[in-house]
Protein backbone atom coordinates (compact mmCIF):
# COMPACT_ATOMS: atom_id res chain seq x y z
CA UNK A 1 58.81 78.32 97.13
CA UNK A 2 58.18 74.86 95.72
CA UNK A 3 54.97 74.55 97.73
CA UNK A 4 53.77 77.93 96.49
CA UNK A 5 54.35 76.80 92.89
CA UNK A 6 52.47 73.54 93.46
CA UNK A 7 49.59 75.48 94.96
CA UNK A 8 49.15 77.26 91.62
CA UNK A 9 49.38 74.29 89.21
CA UNK A 10 48.47 71.19 91.22
CA UNK A 11 45.16 69.34 91.17
CA UNK A 12 42.59 70.80 93.62
CA UNK A 13 42.54 67.46 95.48
CA UNK A 14 46.34 67.45 96.01
CA UNK A 15 47.48 67.49 99.64
CA UNK A 16 51.03 67.75 100.97
CA UNK A 17 51.54 65.88 104.24
CA UNK A 18 54.44 66.88 106.51
CA UNK A 19 54.91 64.45 109.40
CA UNK A 20 57.49 64.42 112.15
CA UNK A 21 57.97 63.84 115.85
CA UNK A 22 58.44 66.94 118.00
CA UNK A 23 62.06 68.12 117.73
CA UNK A 24 64.38 67.58 120.67
CA UNK A 25 66.02 70.41 122.60
CA UNK A 26 69.24 69.85 120.65
CA UNK A 27 67.45 70.36 117.32
CA UNK A 28 65.77 73.59 118.37
CA UNK A 29 62.23 74.93 118.25
CA UNK A 30 59.85 73.68 115.55
CA UNK A 31 59.24 77.19 114.16
CA UNK A 32 62.99 77.55 113.60
CA UNK A 33 63.16 74.35 111.55
CA UNK A 34 60.17 75.01 109.26
CA UNK A 35 59.45 78.28 107.42
CA UNK A 36 56.81 80.37 109.12
CA UNK A 37 54.76 80.66 105.94
CA UNK A 38 54.50 76.87 105.68
CA UNK A 39 53.41 76.53 109.31
CA UNK A 40 50.74 79.21 108.88
CA UNK A 41 49.18 77.43 105.90
CA UNK A 42 49.30 73.96 107.43
CA UNK A 43 46.49 72.16 109.17
CA UNK A 44 48.24 70.94 112.32
CA UNK A 45 47.31 67.54 113.74
CA UNK A 46 48.83 66.27 116.99
CA UNK A 47 49.02 62.48 117.32
CA UNK A 48 49.50 61.85 121.03
CA UNK A 49 49.55 58.50 122.77
CA UNK A 50 46.23 57.67 124.48
CA UNK A 51 46.09 57.60 128.25
CA UNK A 52 44.18 54.34 128.80
CA UNK A 53 46.04 51.05 128.89
CA UNK A 54 43.94 49.09 126.38
CA UNK A 55 44.30 51.76 123.68
CA UNK A 56 48.03 51.99 124.27
CA UNK A 57 48.37 48.20 124.05
CA UNK A 58 46.26 48.07 120.88
CA UNK A 59 48.33 50.82 119.32
CA UNK A 60 51.63 49.21 120.35
CA UNK A 61 50.74 45.75 119.02
CA UNK A 62 49.56 47.31 115.74
CA UNK A 63 53.18 48.23 114.99
CA UNK A 64 53.77 44.57 114.11
CA UNK A 65 52.13 41.87 111.99
CA UNK A 66 52.16 38.14 111.34
CA UNK A 67 55.26 38.47 109.15
CA UNK A 68 57.14 39.95 112.10
CA UNK A 69 56.44 36.78 114.07
CA UNK A 70 57.39 34.48 111.19
CA UNK A 71 60.82 36.14 110.88
CA UNK A 72 61.89 34.66 114.22
CA UNK A 73 63.29 31.15 114.53
CA UNK A 74 61.77 30.80 118.03
CA UNK A 75 58.17 31.85 117.27
CA UNK A 76 56.68 30.63 120.57
CA UNK A 77 59.12 32.61 122.73
CA UNK A 78 58.99 35.57 120.37
CA UNK A 79 55.18 35.84 120.37
CA UNK A 80 54.97 35.71 124.16
CA UNK A 81 57.83 38.15 124.74
CA UNK A 82 56.66 40.56 122.03
CA UNK A 83 53.21 40.74 123.62
CA UNK A 84 54.82 41.32 127.05
CA UNK A 85 57.02 44.01 125.52
CA UNK A 86 53.97 45.78 124.07
CA UNK A 87 52.26 45.56 127.46
CA UNK A 88 55.38 47.01 129.12
CA UNK A 89 55.41 49.85 126.56
CA UNK A 90 51.77 50.58 127.39
CA UNK A 91 52.53 50.62 131.10
CA UNK A 92 55.38 53.12 130.88
CA UNK A 93 53.26 55.43 128.69
CA UNK A 94 50.12 55.17 130.81
CA UNK A 95 51.99 55.64 134.08
CA UNK A 96 52.82 59.23 133.11
CA UNK A 97 49.28 60.40 133.93
CA UNK A 98 49.76 59.62 137.63
CA UNK A 99 52.29 62.43 137.96
CA UNK A 100 55.34 62.15 140.22
CA UNK A 101 54.00 58.98 141.83
CA UNK A 102 54.15 57.39 138.38
CA UNK A 103 57.28 59.05 136.96
CA UNK A 104 59.12 61.96 138.54
CA UNK A 105 59.16 63.67 135.13
CA UNK A 106 57.64 63.14 131.67
CA UNK A 107 60.06 60.99 129.70
CA UNK A 108 59.88 60.94 125.87
CA UNK A 109 59.13 57.23 125.44
CA UNK A 110 58.13 56.65 121.82
CA UNK A 111 57.20 53.97 119.30
CA UNK A 112 60.79 53.79 118.11
CA UNK A 113 61.83 52.35 121.47
CA UNK A 114 59.29 49.55 121.05
CA UNK A 115 60.14 48.64 117.44
CA UNK A 116 63.89 48.63 118.07
CA UNK A 117 63.43 46.43 121.15
CA UNK A 118 61.37 44.03 119.02
CA UNK A 119 64.21 43.80 116.47
CA UNK A 120 66.74 43.21 119.24
CA UNK A 121 64.49 40.50 120.65
CA UNK A 122 64.23 38.78 117.27
CA UNK A 123 68.01 38.90 116.73
CA UNK A 124 68.77 37.48 120.17
CA UNK A 125 66.25 34.66 119.80
CA UNK A 126 67.56 33.78 116.33
CA UNK A 127 71.12 33.65 117.62
CA UNK A 128 70.02 31.50 120.56
CA UNK A 129 68.29 29.07 118.21
CA UNK A 130 71.30 28.83 115.90
CA UNK A 131 73.70 28.26 118.81
CA UNK A 132 71.36 25.89 120.62
CA UNK A 133 71.20 28.14 123.70
CA UNK A 134 68.35 29.07 126.03
CA UNK A 135 66.62 32.44 125.81
CA UNK A 136 68.94 35.08 127.39
CA UNK A 137 66.31 36.65 129.65
CA UNK A 138 68.74 38.71 131.79
CA UNK A 139 70.41 40.14 128.68
CA UNK A 140 67.07 41.14 127.19
CA UNK A 141 65.95 42.83 130.42
CA UNK A 142 69.21 44.76 130.62
CA UNK A 143 69.03 45.98 127.01
CA UNK A 144 65.37 46.98 127.30
CA UNK A 145 65.58 48.54 130.77
CA UNK A 146 69.03 50.11 130.87
CA UNK A 147 69.72 51.00 127.24
CA UNK A 148 66.55 51.37 125.17
CA UNK A 149 63.92 52.68 127.59
CA UNK A 150 66.42 53.38 130.34
CA UNK A 151 68.28 55.73 128.03
CA UNK A 152 65.46 58.24 128.50
CA UNK A 153 65.35 57.90 132.28
CA UNK A 154 67.51 60.22 134.39
CA UNK A 155 66.10 59.51 137.86
CA UNK A 156 67.46 56.54 139.83
CA UNK A 157 64.08 55.66 141.35
CA UNK A 158 62.29 55.85 138.00
CA UNK A 159 64.89 53.50 136.55
CA UNK A 160 64.12 51.09 139.38
CA UNK A 161 60.43 51.14 138.44
CA UNK A 162 61.25 50.47 134.78
CA UNK A 163 63.49 47.53 135.63
CA UNK A 164 60.92 46.11 138.04
CA UNK A 165 58.27 46.05 135.31
CA UNK A 166 60.67 44.15 133.07
CA UNK A 167 61.64 41.75 135.86
CA UNK A 168 57.94 40.90 136.28
CA UNK A 169 57.18 40.55 132.56
CA UNK A 170 60.26 39.37 130.68
CA UNK A 171 60.92 35.99 132.26
CA UNK A 172 60.53 32.28 131.40
CA UNK A 173 57.14 32.06 133.13
CA UNK A 174 55.70 34.05 130.21
CA UNK A 175 55.35 30.70 128.44
CA UNK A 176 53.33 29.17 131.30
CA UNK A 177 50.46 31.59 132.00
CA UNK A 178 52.38 34.28 133.89
CA UNK A 179 50.18 36.75 135.77
CA UNK A 180 51.07 39.96 133.94
CA UNK A 181 48.63 42.15 135.90
CA UNK A 182 45.79 41.56 138.38
CA UNK A 183 43.16 39.53 136.51
CA UNK A 184 45.25 39.10 133.35
CA UNK A 185 47.54 36.19 132.49
CA UNK A 186 49.81 35.73 129.51
CA UNK A 187 48.10 33.72 126.74
CA UNK A 188 49.46 30.33 125.69
CA UNK A 189 51.80 31.36 122.88
CA UNK A 190 51.77 27.90 121.27
CA UNK A 191 48.07 28.34 120.45
CA UNK A 192 48.20 31.99 119.41
CA UNK A 193 48.89 33.91 116.23
CA UNK A 194 48.85 37.65 115.54
CA UNK A 195 45.05 37.89 115.17
CA UNK A 196 44.46 35.87 118.34
CA UNK A 197 46.51 38.35 120.36
CA UNK A 198 44.42 41.16 118.90
CA UNK A 199 41.26 39.38 120.11
CA UNK A 200 42.80 39.03 123.58
CA UNK A 201 43.38 42.78 123.69
CA UNK A 202 39.81 43.58 122.62
CA UNK A 203 37.90 40.90 124.51
CA UNK A 204 39.87 39.65 127.52
CA UNK A 205 41.91 42.61 128.66
CA UNK A 206 40.63 43.88 132.06
CA UNK A 207 39.10 47.32 132.53
CA UNK A 208 41.20 50.38 133.24
CA UNK A 209 42.34 50.59 136.87
CA UNK A 210 45.44 51.83 138.73
CA UNK A 211 46.02 48.25 139.89
CA UNK A 212 47.09 47.29 136.37
CA UNK A 213 50.07 49.61 136.83
CA UNK A 214 50.81 48.24 140.29
CA UNK A 215 49.40 51.40 141.89
CA UNK A 216 46.69 51.78 144.53
CA UNK A 217 43.32 53.36 143.73
CA UNK A 218 44.40 56.42 145.74
CA UNK A 219 46.82 57.24 142.89
CA UNK A 220 43.83 57.99 140.66
CA UNK A 221 42.33 60.26 143.33
CA UNK A 222 45.61 62.18 143.50
CA UNK A 223 45.78 62.34 139.71
CA UNK A 224 42.24 63.73 139.36
CA UNK A 225 42.81 66.21 142.20
CA UNK A 226 46.00 67.54 140.63
CA UNK A 227 44.31 67.71 137.24
CA UNK A 228 41.48 69.80 138.69
CA UNK A 229 43.89 72.14 140.46
CA UNK A 230 45.86 72.56 137.24
CA UNK A 231 42.69 73.54 135.37
CA UNK A 232 41.75 76.14 137.99
CA UNK A 233 45.27 77.60 137.95
CA UNK A 234 45.13 77.85 134.17
CA UNK A 235 41.75 79.59 134.30
CA UNK A 236 43.08 82.02 136.88
CA UNK A 237 46.23 82.75 134.85
CA UNK A 238 44.31 83.49 131.62
CA UNK A 239 41.56 85.58 133.24
CA UNK A 240 40.95 89.06 131.84
CA UNK A 241 43.67 91.60 132.53
CA UNK A 242 41.20 94.42 133.21
CA UNK A 243 39.49 92.50 136.00
CA UNK A 244 42.87 91.47 137.36
CA UNK A 245 44.10 95.06 137.44
CA UNK A 246 41.10 96.13 139.51
CA UNK A 247 41.34 93.27 142.00
CA UNK A 248 45.12 93.49 142.42
CA UNK A 249 45.33 97.11 143.53
CA UNK A 250 48.43 97.75 145.65
CA UNK A 251 46.42 99.28 148.46
CA UNK A 252 44.54 96.00 148.89
CA UNK A 253 47.76 94.45 150.21
CA UNK A 254 47.97 96.71 153.28
CA UNK A 255 45.95 94.47 155.67
CA UNK A 256 47.99 91.44 154.59
CA UNK A 257 51.27 93.29 155.09
CA UNK A 258 50.28 94.39 158.59
CA UNK A 259 49.18 90.85 159.50
CA UNK A 260 52.37 89.18 158.28
CA UNK A 261 54.67 91.78 159.86
CA UNK A 262 52.87 91.40 163.18
CA UNK A 263 53.29 87.61 163.18
CA UNK A 264 56.85 87.58 161.83
CA UNK A 265 59.24 86.50 164.62
CA UNK A 266 62.55 88.28 165.28
CA UNK A 267 65.81 86.86 163.99
CA UNK A 268 67.67 84.34 166.14
CA UNK A 269 70.65 85.94 167.90
CA UNK A 270 73.34 83.41 166.95
CA UNK A 271 76.14 85.78 168.03
CA UNK A 272 74.98 85.75 171.64
CA UNK A 273 74.45 81.99 171.56
CA UNK A 274 77.92 81.33 170.19
CA UNK A 275 79.43 83.42 172.99
CA UNK A 276 78.05 80.95 175.54
CA UNK A 277 79.95 77.99 174.05
CA UNK A 278 83.55 76.91 174.33
CA UNK A 279 85.28 75.45 171.30
CA UNK A 280 85.06 71.88 172.59
CA UNK A 281 81.27 72.21 173.04
CA UNK A 282 80.61 72.60 169.33
CA UNK A 283 79.10 69.20 168.56
CA UNK A 284 77.81 68.31 165.06
CA UNK A 285 74.25 68.83 166.31
CA UNK A 286 75.01 72.33 167.66
CA UNK A 287 76.75 73.28 164.42
CA UNK A 288 73.73 72.10 162.44
CA UNK A 289 71.37 74.16 164.61
CA UNK A 290 73.45 77.30 163.99
CA UNK A 291 73.61 76.66 160.25
CA UNK A 292 69.83 76.28 160.15
CA UNK A 293 69.36 79.43 162.24
CA UNK A 294 71.55 81.50 159.93
CA UNK A 295 69.57 80.40 156.89
CA UNK A 296 66.33 81.16 158.70
CA UNK A 297 67.63 84.62 159.65
CA UNK A 298 68.35 85.36 155.99
CA UNK A 299 64.82 84.40 155.03
CA UNK A 300 63.22 86.38 157.88
CA UNK A 301 65.26 89.47 156.99
CA UNK A 302 64.20 89.27 153.35
CA UNK A 303 60.51 88.88 154.27
CA UNK A 304 60.62 91.77 156.75
CA UNK A 305 62.52 94.08 154.39
CA UNK A 306 60.37 93.39 151.33
CA UNK A 307 57.11 93.81 153.26
CA UNK A 308 58.33 97.07 154.84
CA UNK A 309 59.41 98.44 151.45
CA UNK A 310 56.04 97.57 149.94
CA UNK A 311 54.30 99.32 152.84
CA UNK A 312 56.39 102.44 152.24
CA UNK A 313 55.70 102.24 148.52
CA UNK A 314 51.95 102.11 149.07
CA UNK A 315 52.24 105.10 151.42
CA UNK A 316 54.09 107.10 148.74
CA UNK A 317 57.41 107.26 150.62
CA UNK A 318 59.19 105.07 148.04
CA UNK A 319 58.82 104.64 144.31
CA UNK A 320 56.91 101.46 143.51
CA UNK A 321 59.21 98.98 141.73
CA UNK A 322 58.45 95.84 139.77
CA UNK A 323 59.47 93.70 142.73
CA UNK A 324 56.95 95.52 144.94
CA UNK A 325 54.18 94.92 142.40
CA UNK A 326 55.09 91.23 142.17
CA UNK A 327 55.05 90.95 145.97
CA UNK A 328 51.64 92.66 146.18
CA UNK A 329 50.25 90.32 143.54
CA UNK A 330 51.64 87.27 145.36
CA UNK A 331 50.12 88.39 148.67
CA UNK A 332 46.67 88.86 147.18
CA UNK A 333 46.76 85.60 145.19
CA UNK A 334 48.03 83.63 148.22
CA UNK A 335 51.28 82.68 146.51
CA UNK A 336 54.81 82.58 147.90
CA UNK A 337 56.84 85.48 146.52
CA UNK A 338 59.66 84.36 144.21
CA UNK A 339 62.37 86.18 146.22
CA UNK A 340 61.19 84.46 149.39
CA UNK A 341 61.07 81.05 147.72
CA UNK A 342 64.65 81.50 146.48
CA UNK A 343 65.88 81.74 150.08
CA UNK A 344 63.47 79.18 151.50
CA UNK A 345 62.98 75.43 151.25
CA UNK A 346 61.08 73.39 148.63
CA UNK A 347 57.35 73.65 149.28
CA UNK A 348 54.08 73.37 147.33
CA UNK A 349 51.96 75.09 149.98
CA UNK A 350 50.03 78.32 149.30
CA UNK A 351 51.26 81.42 151.09
CA UNK A 352 48.98 81.17 154.14
CA UNK A 353 49.99 77.60 154.95
CA UNK A 354 53.61 78.31 153.98
CA UNK A 355 53.81 81.21 156.45
CA UNK A 356 52.27 79.14 159.26
CA UNK A 357 54.84 76.45 158.48
CA UNK A 358 57.59 79.10 158.64
CA UNK A 359 56.51 80.10 162.15
CA UNK A 360 56.67 76.47 163.33
CA UNK A 361 60.12 76.02 161.84
CA UNK A 362 61.37 79.15 163.56
CA UNK A 363 59.87 78.05 166.88
CA UNK A 364 61.73 74.73 166.70
CA UNK A 365 65.04 76.47 165.96
CA UNK A 366 64.51 78.92 168.86
CA UNK A 367 63.81 76.02 171.23
CA UNK A 368 66.78 74.03 169.93
CA UNK A 369 69.32 76.86 170.08
CA UNK A 370 68.13 78.18 173.45
CA UNK A 371 68.79 74.79 175.04
CA UNK A 372 72.05 74.28 173.15
CA UNK A 373 71.22 70.59 173.33
CA UNK A 374 69.40 68.04 171.20
CA UNK A 375 65.60 67.95 171.52
CA UNK A 376 63.74 64.73 172.38
CA UNK A 377 62.55 64.58 168.79
CA UNK A 378 63.53 66.77 165.84
CA UNK A 379 60.91 67.83 163.31
CA UNK A 380 63.06 66.73 160.37
CA UNK A 381 60.74 68.32 157.83
CA UNK A 382 61.30 71.69 159.51
CA UNK A 383 64.97 71.91 158.51
CA UNK A 384 66.37 73.66 155.45
CA UNK A 385 68.92 70.89 154.90
CA UNK A 386 67.75 67.64 156.54
CA UNK A 387 70.71 65.74 155.08
CA UNK A 388 73.18 67.83 157.09
CA UNK A 389 71.42 66.76 160.30
CA UNK A 390 71.49 63.10 159.24
CA UNK A 391 75.18 63.43 158.43
CA UNK A 392 75.68 64.82 161.94
CA UNK A 393 74.18 61.58 163.31
CA UNK A 394 76.87 59.60 161.49
CA UNK A 395 79.59 62.03 162.60
CA UNK A 396 78.68 61.68 166.28
CA UNK A 397 78.68 57.86 166.06
CA UNK A 398 81.91 57.74 164.03
CA UNK A 399 83.72 59.96 166.56
CA UNK A 400 82.48 57.99 169.56
CA UNK A 401 83.65 54.72 168.02
CA UNK A 402 86.75 56.19 166.37
CA UNK A 403 85.69 55.00 162.93
CA UNK A 404 86.00 56.71 159.53
CA UNK A 405 82.84 58.54 158.46
CA UNK A 406 82.88 56.73 155.11
CA UNK A 407 82.27 53.43 156.92
CA UNK A 408 79.01 54.64 158.47
CA UNK A 409 75.41 54.55 157.27
CA UNK A 410 72.09 55.40 158.89
CA UNK A 411 69.49 52.82 159.88
CA UNK A 412 65.86 53.61 160.74
CA UNK A 413 63.51 52.02 163.24
CA UNK A 414 59.94 53.30 163.61
CA UNK A 415 58.32 53.46 167.04
CA UNK A 416 54.63 52.95 167.76
CA UNK A 417 53.86 56.54 168.76
CA UNK A 418 53.36 59.73 166.79
CA UNK A 419 53.36 62.26 169.65
CA UNK A 420 56.84 63.54 170.65
CA UNK A 421 55.47 64.41 174.10
CA UNK A 422 55.08 60.69 174.84
CA UNK A 423 58.83 60.13 174.56
CA UNK A 424 60.67 59.69 177.82
CA UNK A 425 63.85 61.29 176.50
CA UNK A 426 66.63 60.88 173.97
CA UNK A 427 67.21 57.42 172.47
CA UNK A 428 70.13 55.29 173.61
CA UNK A 429 71.64 55.64 170.15
CA UNK A 430 71.01 58.18 167.40
CA UNK A 431 68.11 60.64 167.35
CA UNK A 432 64.31 60.73 167.25
CA UNK A 433 62.73 62.45 164.25
CA UNK A 434 59.11 63.07 163.27
CA UNK A 435 57.15 64.79 160.52
CA UNK A 436 57.29 62.12 157.80
CA UNK A 437 54.35 61.07 155.60
CA UNK A 438 53.82 58.01 153.44
CA UNK A 439 52.69 58.11 149.82
CA UNK A 440 51.69 55.05 147.81
CA UNK A 441 51.29 52.85 150.91
CA UNK A 442 50.38 52.99 154.60
CA UNK A 443 51.99 51.92 157.86
CA UNK A 444 50.71 49.16 160.10
CA UNK A 445 51.71 49.86 163.71
CA UNK A 446 53.38 47.06 165.63
CA UNK A 447 52.13 45.45 168.81
CA UNK A 448 53.95 46.21 172.03
CA UNK A 449 57.60 46.86 171.33
CA UNK A 450 57.51 45.19 167.90
CA UNK A 451 58.18 47.46 164.95
CA UNK A 452 55.38 47.99 162.45
CA UNK A 453 55.59 47.35 158.74
CA UNK A 454 54.61 48.85 155.41
CA UNK A 455 51.10 47.93 154.20
CA UNK A 456 48.74 48.69 151.33
CA UNK A 457 47.16 52.13 151.26
CA UNK A 458 43.78 52.75 152.84
CA UNK A 459 41.15 54.35 150.65
CA UNK A 460 41.24 58.16 150.57
CA UNK A 461 44.29 58.34 152.86
CA UNK A 462 46.76 59.81 150.40
CA UNK A 463 49.50 60.84 152.84
CA UNK A 464 49.14 59.08 156.22
CA UNK A 465 51.43 60.34 158.96
CA UNK A 466 54.32 58.07 159.95
CA UNK A 467 55.28 57.29 163.57
CA UNK A 468 58.35 58.80 165.20
CA UNK A 469 61.53 57.25 163.84
CA UNK A 470 64.77 56.43 165.63
CA UNK A 471 67.64 57.06 163.21
CA UNK A 472 71.02 55.73 164.31
CA UNK A 473 74.29 54.92 162.58
CA UNK A 474 75.90 51.53 162.02
CA UNK A 475 78.87 50.29 160.04
CA UNK A 476 78.10 49.66 156.40
CA UNK A 477 78.94 45.96 156.69
CA UNK A 478 76.51 45.62 159.62
CA UNK A 479 73.56 47.08 157.71
CA UNK A 480 71.04 44.34 156.90
CA UNK A 481 68.30 44.77 154.26
CA UNK A 482 66.61 41.43 154.93
CA UNK A 483 62.83 41.85 154.61
CA UNK A 484 63.31 45.59 154.13
CA UNK A 485 62.06 47.98 151.47
CA UNK A 486 64.57 50.45 150.02
CA UNK A 487 62.36 53.51 150.47
CA UNK A 488 63.27 56.94 149.03
CA UNK A 489 62.53 60.08 151.02
CA UNK A 490 61.55 63.29 149.25
CA UNK A 491 60.85 66.78 150.56
CA UNK A 492 57.68 67.34 148.52
CA UNK A 493 55.27 65.27 146.47
CA UNK A 494 56.99 66.54 143.31
CA UNK A 495 59.78 64.05 144.12
CA UNK A 496 62.61 64.23 141.56
CA UNK A 497 65.17 66.80 142.64
CA UNK A 498 63.75 66.96 146.19
CA UNK A 499 65.24 63.53 147.03
CA UNK A 500 66.96 63.48 150.43
CA UNK A 501 67.92 59.95 151.43
CA UNK A 502 67.05 56.26 151.39
CA UNK A 503 65.65 54.56 154.49
CA UNK A 504 64.84 50.97 155.36
CA UNK A 505 61.15 50.19 155.88
CA UNK A 506 60.25 46.83 157.38
CA UNK A 507 57.97 44.69 155.23
CA UNK A 508 55.41 42.11 156.26
CA UNK A 509 57.10 38.71 156.75
CA UNK A 510 54.79 37.33 154.03
CA UNK A 511 56.16 39.78 151.42
CA UNK A 512 58.51 37.88 149.13
CA UNK A 513 60.32 40.94 147.78
CA UNK A 514 59.90 44.70 147.39
CA UNK A 515 58.63 44.75 143.80
CA UNK A 516 55.06 45.40 144.94
CA UNK A 517 56.09 48.58 146.77
CA UNK A 518 58.36 49.75 143.96
CA UNK A 519 55.50 49.63 141.43
CA UNK A 520 53.11 51.21 143.96
CA UNK A 521 55.40 54.26 144.08
CA UNK A 522 55.76 53.93 147.85
CA UNK A 523 57.90 56.75 149.26
CA UNK A 524 58.20 58.96 152.32
CA UNK A 525 57.49 62.69 152.08
CA UNK A 526 58.60 65.42 154.46
CA UNK A 527 55.61 67.66 153.79
CA UNK A 528 51.93 66.91 153.29
CA UNK A 529 51.35 69.50 150.58
């Protein structure tokens, strides 16, 4: 009401500016916080962070001025660390554009995080100067990485990336020309003031490249590919409803239904298989195969039943329901039906590739259960619950050695072959698994019997196939991570909630530590989506 009154009596040049950050989920939707009439009359302007690193760094450093520097009793350390903090802020914002390889989800990093960290930095340096102490670098890294910025981060592996950036940037070498990124060193803080740092940003900062984030150039290819696919999906979803109604006629699904029903394999007869076994023959591997078969049977039954009902609905023998219409639409748009996906496994594949993948998974289970024995190599990606199979590996070892299961962990060694047919038989310890892919790096095969090691990505090879792995169990206190990369394994390239386990990947002997691979987003995937 006050705005309506001002509209009548105020000067024609008067403008009312309402500014705010987007409300959080706890606050509620924006239209519930502001009256609808006000929103309708407003000119809405969205101020989003830029995507390129230079613009983000320029914007971040503009939050401060020369007076900010003069407030600190250790100006040399403060200038260098503040610039590194602004660079770190730019990195965490710019990394979002690379999707799951950058961050597994979009975190709400904001300017408030940066300004509060700068105040904390000033307070800590002032206290250190008054007490005659050195700069508390570990304390600063912990506050920035675990409390301020880390407070937004919910994923363990994303938190590791955040802390690795800080470990590279917030350290004493900042004062002695630290290499902050490829082709960019920290300026000599003793010769710099606020305006000099601004000139460095405009004149000496290198051009935009994934390498500045620690990523390989392939990350940009993946980013642009996903961006293009997202645009096409959006265009398809907003296309005219009239044209969609004509092209998505139920009768057009009949050839697809007949094709899928013809290819769909029968359910696995677990009852007959169980009758062949005595109680003492139920090993952890056999139990896992039956559990996987039962889940597959549930999925096959749902696919067969829903396709048959849709066929009857098209023929007029059943009333067409909403679920039938959704299934028909999914078939014609090459999408996995939602009821199928609910009973299936995480996957980003379109329907045609998803169904072919389903047939391969079923074939492996049929082969596994018919033998009632472990295969030479298990297609780990073809299981509903890969972690249950890996737990079975630990159970078998713990029982054979009469050790508690809690004392066991899995260790991975990669062979120099990718074809399961080349294997002579089962390994002496553990199991052979295949079907893994690398993202963010590549794998250099070893010579002879020597194990290979993780290496930089090769151009345009986004997801190179990994060799067959031998996974076996050892006691926790016998597990050595010397010259090893702590590599996460995810089911799909979406990462996040599809995390399965952590494996050890051997690094090149010349690699000092694993920071390079952490920032590169190196991880193993179970599907090449």
